[in-house]
N, C-alpha and C. Protein backbone atom coordinates (compact mmCIF):
# COMPACT_ATOMS: atom_id res chain seq x y z
N MET A 1 3.87 191.57 -10.60
CA MET A 1 4.32 190.26 -9.80
C MET A 1 5.73 190.18 -9.62
N LEU A 2 6.61 190.61 -10.66
CA LEU A 2 8.04 190.66 -10.44
C LEU A 2 8.55 191.51 -9.36
N LEU A 3 7.83 192.81 -9.39
CA LEU A 3 8.30 193.70 -8.38
C LEU A 3 7.91 193.21 -7.00
N HIS A 4 6.70 192.60 -6.90
CA HIS A 4 6.26 192.11 -5.62
C HIS A 4 7.19 191.20 -5.07
N LEU A 5 7.58 190.14 -5.85
CA LEU A 5 8.51 189.16 -5.39
C LEU A 5 9.84 189.71 -5.09
N SER A 6 10.36 190.63 -5.85
CA SER A 6 11.58 191.33 -5.68
C SER A 6 11.56 191.95 -4.01
N PHE A 7 10.54 192.76 -3.80
CA PHE A 7 10.44 193.40 -2.57
C PHE A 7 10.36 192.32 -1.53
N ILE A 8 9.55 191.33 -1.70
CA ILE A 8 9.51 190.29 -0.65
C ILE A 8 10.88 189.70 -0.33
N LYS A 9 11.66 189.41 -1.20
CA LYS A 9 12.83 188.91 -1.22
C LYS A 9 13.84 189.78 -0.45
N LEU A 10 13.63 191.01 -0.84
CA LEU A 10 14.58 192.04 -0.17
C LEU A 10 14.32 192.37 1.30
N LEU A 11 13.01 192.30 1.50
CA LEU A 11 12.52 192.66 2.91
C LEU A 11 12.88 191.49 3.75
N SER A 12 12.96 190.20 3.28
CA SER A 12 13.34 188.98 4.05
C SER A 12 14.92 189.23 4.30
N GLU A 13 15.69 189.87 3.55
CA GLU A 13 17.18 189.83 3.76
C GLU A 13 17.71 190.89 4.61
N ALA A 14 16.79 191.94 5.07
CA ALA A 14 17.46 193.07 5.77
C ALA A 14 16.40 193.40 6.88
N ASP A 15 17.10 193.98 7.97
CA ASP A 15 16.37 194.43 9.07
C ASP A 15 15.72 195.80 8.83
N THR A 16 16.33 196.62 8.14
CA THR A 16 16.07 198.04 7.94
C THR A 16 16.40 198.48 6.66
N PHE A 17 15.61 199.44 6.10
CA PHE A 17 15.73 200.17 4.90
C PHE A 17 15.72 201.63 4.94
N THR A 18 16.71 202.22 4.31
CA THR A 18 16.58 203.72 4.29
C THR A 18 16.02 204.13 3.06
N ASP A 19 15.68 205.46 2.91
CA ASP A 19 14.94 205.93 1.80
C ASP A 19 15.93 205.85 0.50
N LYS A 20 17.18 206.01 0.82
CA LYS A 20 18.24 206.05 -0.13
C LYS A 20 18.30 204.53 -0.73
N ARG A 21 18.24 203.49 0.19
CA ARG A 21 18.41 202.10 -0.33
C ARG A 21 17.12 201.81 -1.06
N LEU A 22 15.96 202.14 -0.68
CA LEU A 22 14.72 201.93 -1.57
C LEU A 22 14.74 202.61 -2.90
N ARG A 23 15.17 203.80 -2.92
CA ARG A 23 15.30 204.61 -4.13
C ARG A 23 16.44 203.90 -5.13
N GLU A 24 17.37 203.29 -4.45
CA GLU A 24 18.25 202.62 -5.37
C GLU A 24 17.63 201.28 -5.83
N ILE A 25 17.01 200.51 -5.11
CA ILE A 25 16.18 199.50 -5.49
C ILE A 25 15.28 199.70 -6.60
N ALA A 26 14.56 200.96 -6.40
CA ALA A 26 13.53 201.38 -7.47
C ALA A 26 14.27 201.71 -8.85
N ASP A 27 15.28 202.38 -8.67
CA ASP A 27 15.96 202.95 -9.86
C ASP A 27 16.73 201.69 -10.64
N ASN A 28 17.19 200.73 -9.81
CA ASN A 28 17.70 199.55 -10.42
C ASN A 28 16.75 198.73 -11.24
N PHE A 29 15.49 198.57 -10.59
CA PHE A 29 14.30 197.92 -11.34
C PHE A 29 14.02 198.70 -12.58
N LEU A 30 13.77 200.03 -12.58
CA LEU A 30 13.58 200.78 -13.80
C LEU A 30 14.61 200.59 -14.84
N TYR A 31 15.82 200.63 -14.46
CA TYR A 31 16.87 200.38 -15.42
C TYR A 31 16.78 199.14 -16.08
N ALA A 32 16.66 198.09 -15.24
CA ALA A 32 16.60 196.70 -15.75
C ALA A 32 15.44 196.63 -16.68
N CYS A 33 14.27 197.02 -16.46
CA CYS A 33 13.14 197.05 -17.31
C CYS A 33 13.40 197.71 -18.59
N GLU A 34 14.06 198.93 -18.51
CA GLU A 34 14.24 199.70 -19.68
C GLU A 34 15.41 199.06 -20.57
N GLU A 35 16.36 198.46 -19.97
CA GLU A 35 17.39 197.66 -20.60
C GLU A 35 16.88 196.44 -21.37
N LYS A 36 16.03 195.84 -20.76
CA LYS A 36 15.39 194.52 -21.41
C LYS A 36 14.07 194.78 -22.25
N SER A 37 13.68 196.18 -22.24
CA SER A 37 12.48 196.57 -23.00
C SER A 37 11.38 195.54 -22.49
N VAL A 38 11.15 195.50 -21.19
CA VAL A 38 10.05 194.70 -20.53
C VAL A 38 9.43 195.69 -19.44
N PHE A 39 8.10 196.00 -19.69
CA PHE A 39 7.45 196.97 -18.85
C PHE A 39 6.28 196.46 -18.19
N PRO A 40 6.35 195.77 -17.02
CA PRO A 40 5.13 195.25 -16.39
C PRO A 40 4.59 196.38 -15.66
N TRP A 41 3.27 196.30 -15.36
CA TRP A 41 2.57 197.32 -14.77
C TRP A 41 3.33 197.94 -13.57
N GLU A 42 4.18 197.25 -12.77
CA GLU A 42 4.79 197.75 -11.63
C GLU A 42 5.89 198.92 -12.10
N TYR A 43 6.46 198.64 -13.41
CA TYR A 43 7.32 199.60 -13.91
C TYR A 43 6.64 201.04 -13.78
N TYR A 44 5.42 201.11 -14.45
CA TYR A 44 4.74 202.35 -14.43
C TYR A 44 4.49 202.88 -13.11
N TYR A 45 4.25 201.99 -12.25
CA TYR A 45 3.77 202.34 -10.86
C TYR A 45 5.01 203.06 -10.23
N ILE A 46 6.20 202.58 -10.35
CA ILE A 46 7.42 203.27 -9.91
C ILE A 46 7.84 204.53 -10.62
N LYS A 47 7.72 204.42 -11.90
CA LYS A 47 8.20 205.53 -12.76
C LYS A 47 7.40 206.81 -12.75
N TYR A 48 6.07 206.63 -12.90
CA TYR A 48 5.23 207.82 -13.00
C TYR A 48 4.39 208.03 -11.78
N SER A 49 4.52 209.36 -11.26
CA SER A 49 3.89 209.74 -10.05
C SER A 49 2.39 209.69 -10.17
N SER A 50 1.66 209.69 -11.26
CA SER A 50 0.31 209.58 -11.28
C SER A 50 -0.24 208.24 -10.67
N PHE A 51 0.60 207.33 -10.75
CA PHE A 51 0.30 205.97 -10.21
C PHE A 51 0.23 205.96 -8.72
N ARG A 52 0.73 206.92 -8.10
CA ARG A 52 0.97 206.95 -6.58
C ARG A 52 0.30 208.17 -6.10
N PRO A 53 -0.91 208.36 -6.07
CA PRO A 53 -1.73 209.53 -5.50
C PRO A 53 -1.58 209.57 -4.08
N GLY A 54 -1.87 210.73 -3.52
CA GLY A 54 -1.75 210.90 -2.08
C GLY A 54 -2.90 210.51 -1.28
N SER A 55 -3.62 211.28 -0.56
CA SER A 55 -4.52 210.96 0.29
C SER A 55 -5.65 210.04 -0.35
N TYR A 56 -6.04 208.96 0.44
CA TYR A 56 -7.07 207.97 0.09
C TYR A 56 -6.70 207.37 -1.27
N GLY A 57 -5.61 207.66 -1.88
CA GLY A 57 -5.39 207.01 -3.17
C GLY A 57 -5.16 205.55 -3.19
N LYS A 58 -5.84 204.90 -4.08
CA LYS A 58 -5.76 203.39 -4.17
C LYS A 58 -5.98 202.88 -5.64
N PHE A 59 -5.69 201.82 -5.93
CA PHE A 59 -5.85 201.23 -7.25
C PHE A 59 -7.16 200.32 -7.18
N CYS A 60 -8.00 200.38 -8.12
CA CYS A 60 -9.09 199.55 -8.25
C CYS A 60 -9.00 198.74 -9.72
N ASN A 61 -9.02 197.43 -9.42
CA ASN A 61 -9.03 196.58 -10.73
C ASN A 61 -9.54 195.27 -10.20
N ASP A 62 -10.79 194.89 -10.60
CA ASP A 62 -11.34 193.72 -10.29
C ASP A 62 -10.76 192.58 -11.12
N LYS A 63 -10.04 192.79 -12.22
CA LYS A 63 -9.64 191.80 -13.10
C LYS A 63 -8.12 191.89 -13.13
N MET A 64 -7.35 192.07 -12.13
CA MET A 64 -5.99 192.33 -12.09
C MET A 64 -5.20 191.21 -12.67
N ALA A 65 -5.57 189.90 -12.50
CA ALA A 65 -4.79 188.74 -12.99
C ALA A 65 -5.04 188.74 -14.61
N GLU A 66 -6.11 189.12 -15.09
CA GLU A 66 -6.37 189.00 -16.59
C GLU A 66 -5.98 190.29 -17.43
N GLU A 67 -6.15 191.38 -16.60
CA GLU A 67 -5.93 192.87 -17.25
C GLU A 67 -5.16 193.63 -16.32
N PRO A 68 -3.93 193.36 -16.04
CA PRO A 68 -3.24 194.12 -15.14
C PRO A 68 -2.91 195.61 -15.45
N TYR A 69 -3.09 195.94 -16.70
CA TYR A 69 -2.89 197.49 -16.99
C TYR A 69 -4.23 198.26 -16.88
N LEU A 70 -5.21 197.64 -16.41
CA LEU A 70 -6.46 198.43 -16.47
C LEU A 70 -6.94 198.99 -15.06
N SER A 71 -6.01 199.22 -14.20
CA SER A 71 -6.31 199.80 -12.93
C SER A 71 -6.86 201.22 -13.13
N VAL A 72 -7.76 201.59 -12.15
CA VAL A 72 -8.24 202.94 -11.95
C VAL A 72 -7.52 203.42 -10.71
N VAL A 73 -7.25 204.69 -10.57
CA VAL A 73 -6.83 205.14 -9.38
C VAL A 73 -7.89 206.05 -8.87
N MET A 74 -8.37 205.64 -7.62
CA MET A 74 -9.36 206.32 -6.87
C MET A 74 -8.81 207.17 -5.87
N GLN A 75 -9.34 208.37 -5.65
CA GLN A 75 -8.93 209.33 -4.57
C GLN A 75 -9.88 209.58 -3.64
N THR A 76 -10.85 208.52 -3.40
CA THR A 76 -11.84 208.49 -2.25
C THR A 76 -11.71 207.34 -1.57
N ARG A 77 -12.32 207.19 -0.62
CA ARG A 77 -12.30 206.12 0.41
C ARG A 77 -12.86 204.82 -0.33
N SER A 78 -13.95 204.95 -0.98
CA SER A 78 -14.70 203.85 -1.38
C SER A 78 -15.36 203.66 -2.74
N GLN A 79 -15.32 204.75 -3.45
CA GLN A 79 -16.01 204.79 -4.79
C GLN A 79 -15.48 205.73 -5.91
N LEU A 80 -15.80 205.27 -7.00
CA LEU A 80 -15.32 206.09 -8.12
C LEU A 80 -15.95 207.54 -8.16
N SER A 81 -15.10 208.60 -8.49
CA SER A 81 -15.75 209.98 -8.56
C SER A 81 -15.02 210.57 -9.65
N GLN A 82 -15.22 211.96 -9.79
CA GLN A 82 -14.65 212.72 -10.68
C GLN A 82 -13.13 212.77 -10.51
N ASN A 83 -12.68 212.55 -9.32
CA ASN A 83 -11.21 212.61 -9.12
C ASN A 83 -10.50 211.30 -9.45
N ALA A 84 -11.32 210.11 -9.87
CA ALA A 84 -10.71 209.07 -10.33
C ALA A 84 -10.12 209.21 -11.69
N TYR A 85 -9.14 208.18 -12.13
CA TYR A 85 -8.65 208.31 -13.35
C TYR A 85 -7.78 207.15 -13.82
N ILE A 86 -7.75 206.75 -15.00
CA ILE A 86 -6.79 205.81 -15.59
C ILE A 86 -5.36 206.41 -15.57
N PRO A 87 -4.45 205.95 -14.89
CA PRO A 87 -3.13 206.69 -14.72
C PRO A 87 -2.35 206.90 -16.00
N TYR A 88 -2.42 205.81 -16.97
CA TYR A 88 -1.70 205.85 -18.09
C TYR A 88 -2.05 207.11 -18.96
N LEU A 89 -3.63 207.40 -18.87
CA LEU A 89 -4.06 208.52 -19.67
C LEU A 89 -3.74 209.87 -19.06
N LYS A 90 -3.75 209.77 -17.69
CA LYS A 90 -3.44 210.97 -16.82
C LYS A 90 -1.96 211.43 -17.07
N GLU A 91 -1.14 210.49 -17.14
CA GLU A 91 0.31 210.74 -17.31
C GLU A 91 0.59 211.27 -18.67
N ALA A 92 -0.16 210.71 -19.71
CA ALA A 92 0.08 211.19 -21.14
C ALA A 92 -0.45 212.55 -21.33
N ASP A 93 -1.52 212.92 -20.82
CA ASP A 93 -2.08 214.21 -21.25
C ASP A 93 -3.16 214.69 -20.17
N ASP A 94 -2.84 215.04 -19.09
CA ASP A 94 -3.82 215.48 -17.94
C ASP A 94 -4.92 216.56 -18.38
N LYS A 95 -4.44 217.58 -19.24
CA LYS A 95 -5.33 218.47 -19.45
C LYS A 95 -6.43 217.91 -20.36
N HIS A 96 -6.46 216.79 -21.00
CA HIS A 96 -7.53 216.52 -21.82
C HIS A 96 -8.31 215.34 -21.18
N LEU A 97 -7.89 214.93 -19.90
CA LEU A 97 -8.53 213.90 -19.17
C LEU A 97 -9.91 214.40 -18.78
N SER A 98 -10.88 213.58 -19.13
CA SER A 98 -12.35 213.90 -18.87
C SER A 98 -12.83 213.53 -17.56
N ARG A 99 -13.14 214.58 -16.51
CA ARG A 99 -13.64 214.26 -15.40
C ARG A 99 -15.06 213.77 -15.37
N ASP A 100 -15.65 214.09 -16.32
CA ASP A 100 -17.04 213.75 -16.58
C ASP A 100 -17.14 212.19 -16.90
N SER A 101 -16.13 211.59 -17.54
CA SER A 101 -16.11 210.16 -17.59
C SER A 101 -15.18 209.42 -16.61
N LEU A 102 -15.15 210.03 -15.40
CA LEU A 102 -14.36 209.42 -14.19
C LEU A 102 -12.98 209.25 -14.64
N GLY A 103 -12.31 210.03 -15.39
CA GLY A 103 -10.93 210.00 -15.85
C GLY A 103 -10.59 208.61 -16.77
N GLN A 104 -11.57 208.29 -17.29
CA GLN A 104 -11.39 207.05 -18.13
C GLN A 104 -11.26 207.41 -19.66
N ARG A 105 -11.14 208.57 -20.12
CA ARG A 105 -10.84 208.95 -21.52
C ARG A 105 -10.25 210.30 -21.55
N LEU A 106 -9.55 210.54 -22.62
CA LEU A 106 -8.80 211.75 -23.13
C LEU A 106 -9.90 212.19 -24.26
N VAL A 107 -10.34 213.46 -23.98
CA VAL A 107 -11.25 213.96 -25.07
C VAL A 107 -10.61 215.11 -26.01
N TYR A 108 -10.63 214.86 -27.36
CA TYR A 108 -10.15 215.80 -28.26
C TYR A 108 -11.08 215.98 -29.27
N GLY A 109 -11.83 217.24 -29.09
CA GLY A 109 -12.82 217.64 -30.03
C GLY A 109 -13.90 216.56 -30.36
N ASP A 110 -13.85 215.94 -31.66
CA ASP A 110 -14.82 214.86 -32.13
C ASP A 110 -14.52 213.64 -31.57
N SER A 111 -13.49 213.40 -30.90
CA SER A 111 -13.14 212.03 -30.54
C SER A 111 -12.52 211.99 -29.17
N TYR A 112 -12.39 210.69 -28.74
CA TYR A 112 -11.72 210.48 -27.39
C TYR A 112 -10.84 209.10 -27.42
N ILE A 113 -9.97 208.97 -26.59
CA ILE A 113 -8.95 207.95 -26.48
C ILE A 113 -9.31 207.15 -25.25
N ILE A 114 -9.39 205.90 -25.16
CA ILE A 114 -9.73 205.15 -24.03
C ILE A 114 -8.52 204.13 -24.02
N CYS A 115 -8.29 203.51 -22.69
CA CYS A 115 -7.26 202.52 -22.70
C CYS A 115 -7.71 201.07 -22.58
N ARG A 116 -7.18 200.31 -23.15
CA ARG A 116 -7.22 198.80 -23.02
C ARG A 116 -6.02 198.07 -22.44
N ASN A 117 -6.15 196.91 -22.27
CA ASN A 117 -4.89 196.23 -21.51
C ASN A 117 -3.93 196.05 -22.67
N ASP A 118 -4.17 195.98 -24.00
CA ASP A 118 -3.19 195.56 -24.97
C ASP A 118 -3.15 196.84 -25.97
N CYS A 119 -3.95 198.00 -25.89
CA CYS A 119 -3.69 199.14 -26.89
C CYS A 119 -4.41 200.24 -26.31
N PHE A 120 -4.59 201.31 -27.02
CA PHE A 120 -5.21 202.49 -26.76
C PHE A 120 -6.27 202.52 -28.03
N LEU A 121 -7.60 203.02 -27.78
CA LEU A 121 -8.54 203.32 -28.88
C LEU A 121 -8.84 204.56 -28.97
N VAL A 122 -9.02 205.05 -30.29
CA VAL A 122 -9.71 206.40 -30.54
C VAL A 122 -11.04 206.16 -30.95
N ILE A 123 -11.91 206.82 -30.39
CA ILE A 123 -13.35 206.54 -30.51
C ILE A 123 -13.96 207.81 -30.97
N ASP A 124 -14.97 207.67 -32.00
CA ASP A 124 -15.74 208.92 -32.41
C ASP A 124 -16.71 209.31 -31.50
N ASN A 125 -16.82 210.50 -30.98
CA ASN A 125 -17.93 211.02 -29.97
C ASN A 125 -19.16 210.82 -30.38
N ALA A 126 -19.56 211.08 -31.67
CA ALA A 126 -21.00 211.02 -32.16
C ALA A 126 -21.47 209.73 -32.43
N THR A 127 -20.54 208.80 -32.98
CA THR A 127 -21.05 207.42 -33.48
C THR A 127 -20.61 206.30 -32.47
N GLU A 128 -19.69 206.66 -31.60
CA GLU A 128 -19.08 205.71 -30.51
C GLU A 128 -18.31 204.48 -31.35
N GLU A 129 -18.01 204.76 -32.54
CA GLU A 129 -17.37 203.74 -33.39
C GLU A 129 -15.71 204.02 -33.22
N GLU A 130 -15.05 202.84 -33.18
CA GLU A 130 -13.60 202.91 -33.32
C GLU A 130 -13.08 203.56 -34.33
N ILE A 131 -12.20 204.50 -34.33
CA ILE A 131 -11.62 205.26 -35.54
C ILE A 131 -10.20 204.68 -35.66
N GLU A 132 -9.49 204.54 -34.58
CA GLU A 132 -8.09 204.04 -34.77
C GLU A 132 -7.73 203.22 -33.55
N THR A 133 -6.64 202.46 -33.80
CA THR A 133 -6.10 201.66 -32.63
C THR A 133 -4.61 202.33 -32.53
N ILE A 134 -4.20 202.52 -31.32
CA ILE A 134 -2.81 203.01 -30.95
C ILE A 134 -2.20 201.81 -30.30
N ALA A 135 -1.49 201.19 -31.22
CA ALA A 135 -0.82 199.86 -30.72
C ALA A 135 0.50 200.20 -30.04
N PHE A 136 0.79 199.27 -29.16
CA PHE A 136 2.28 199.16 -28.60
C PHE A 136 2.58 197.60 -28.47
N ARG A 137 3.78 197.45 -28.42
CA ARG A 137 4.25 196.01 -28.42
C ARG A 137 4.12 195.39 -27.09
N GLN A 138 3.80 194.04 -27.11
CA GLN A 138 3.71 193.35 -25.88
C GLN A 138 4.22 191.86 -26.14
N ASN A 139 4.80 191.15 -25.21
CA ASN A 139 5.34 189.86 -25.36
C ASN A 139 4.16 188.89 -25.35
N GLU A 140 4.60 187.53 -25.28
CA GLU A 140 3.59 186.48 -25.33
C GLU A 140 2.82 186.46 -24.07
N GLN A 141 3.43 186.85 -22.97
CA GLN A 141 2.82 187.02 -21.70
C GLN A 141 1.99 188.12 -21.55
N GLY A 142 1.79 188.92 -22.47
CA GLY A 142 1.01 190.17 -22.35
C GLY A 142 1.66 191.24 -21.60
N ILE A 143 2.89 191.22 -21.51
CA ILE A 143 3.67 192.28 -20.68
C ILE A 143 4.13 193.36 -21.88
N ASP A 144 4.06 194.65 -21.54
CA ASP A 144 4.48 195.59 -22.63
C ASP A 144 6.04 195.40 -22.83
N THR A 145 6.39 195.64 -24.14
CA THR A 145 7.75 195.58 -24.35
C THR A 145 8.24 197.01 -25.01
N GLU A 146 7.35 198.04 -24.81
CA GLU A 146 7.62 199.31 -25.08
C GLU A 146 6.73 200.12 -24.18
N ASP A 147 7.28 201.21 -23.72
CA ASP A 147 6.46 202.13 -22.62
C ASP A 147 5.25 202.75 -23.33
N ARG A 148 4.05 202.13 -23.03
CA ARG A 148 2.71 202.53 -23.44
C ARG A 148 2.51 204.18 -23.34
N ILE A 149 2.99 204.63 -22.28
CA ILE A 149 2.75 206.20 -22.03
C ILE A 149 3.44 206.88 -23.05
N GLU A 150 4.78 206.49 -23.37
CA GLU A 150 5.59 207.14 -24.41
C GLU A 150 4.95 207.06 -25.85
N VAL A 151 4.40 205.90 -25.94
CA VAL A 151 3.77 205.63 -27.38
C VAL A 151 2.42 206.45 -27.38
N LEU A 152 1.83 206.78 -26.40
CA LEU A 152 0.48 207.53 -26.47
C LEU A 152 0.87 208.98 -26.45
N LYS A 153 1.93 209.53 -25.90
CA LYS A 153 2.41 210.88 -25.79
C LYS A 153 2.82 211.22 -27.27
N LYS A 154 3.53 210.27 -28.05
CA LYS A 154 4.00 210.62 -29.43
C LYS A 154 2.78 210.61 -30.26
N TYR A 155 1.70 209.76 -30.04
CA TYR A 155 0.49 209.88 -30.84
C TYR A 155 -0.06 211.19 -30.68
N ILE A 156 -0.23 211.58 -29.49
CA ILE A 156 -0.89 212.91 -29.03
C ILE A 156 -0.30 214.07 -29.81
N ASP A 157 1.16 214.08 -29.65
CA ASP A 157 2.05 215.02 -30.30
C ASP A 157 1.79 215.21 -31.75
N ARG A 158 1.62 213.93 -32.57
CA ARG A 158 1.43 213.86 -33.76
C ARG A 158 0.13 214.54 -34.24
N ILE A 159 -1.08 214.29 -33.38
CA ILE A 159 -2.32 214.84 -33.61
C ILE A 159 -2.35 216.22 -33.53
N ASN A 160 -1.70 216.68 -32.30
CA ASN A 160 -1.61 218.12 -32.14
C ASN A 160 -0.87 218.85 -33.19
N ASP A 161 0.13 218.24 -33.68
CA ASP A 161 1.03 218.84 -34.80
C ASP A 161 0.10 218.92 -36.05
N LYS A 162 -0.59 217.87 -36.28
CA LYS A 162 -1.51 217.72 -37.47
C LYS A 162 -2.57 218.83 -37.37
N ASP A 163 -3.12 219.05 -36.18
CA ASP A 163 -4.30 220.08 -35.96
C ASP A 163 -3.73 221.44 -36.17
N MET A 164 -2.54 221.73 -35.77
CA MET A 164 -1.96 222.98 -35.87
C MET A 164 -1.76 223.35 -37.28
N THR A 165 -1.17 222.27 -38.19
CA THR A 165 -0.97 222.30 -39.52
C THR A 165 -2.24 222.67 -40.19
N ASN A 166 -3.31 222.07 -39.85
CA ASN A 166 -4.63 222.32 -40.50
C ASN A 166 -5.18 223.58 -40.11
N ASP A 167 -4.86 224.22 -38.99
CA ASP A 167 -5.36 225.64 -38.84
C ASP A 167 -4.63 226.64 -39.42
N VAL A 168 -3.51 226.34 -40.18
CA VAL A 168 -2.79 227.50 -40.92
C VAL A 168 -3.35 227.68 -42.13
């Protein structure tokens, strides 16, 4: 919402925009978010390319007002396919993104990770029970106060390091 209002204001104040000016606006927005440690979903949209797919790319989220962080990126005209994905998961670890689950989980051996509006969950493949919650901070309005993708990447690095230690 913050980004949307900012662009409406900017568009109403100028006749034309150059790519350079738009990049400057985006960079300033990212900088302000990082300085304040406030990461609305628009922050991720601007910062990470997985949120901006090419042809036919569009966001799908029937509950945007209640769960703004749960958009699915579709790369087809009208329906989910094996090319769809949760952009936070894809950005964190594309090579473990499950195409069989329509890009809605990262699969690691006996478990998988899914995205929730306020956390990531690690689920046991066999029992479908929650093994662990990967938490990140949010403020009272439900807006991230730390970059959830960075939190997930650090978690994945830790489990990969742990697996490599166990293999020795």
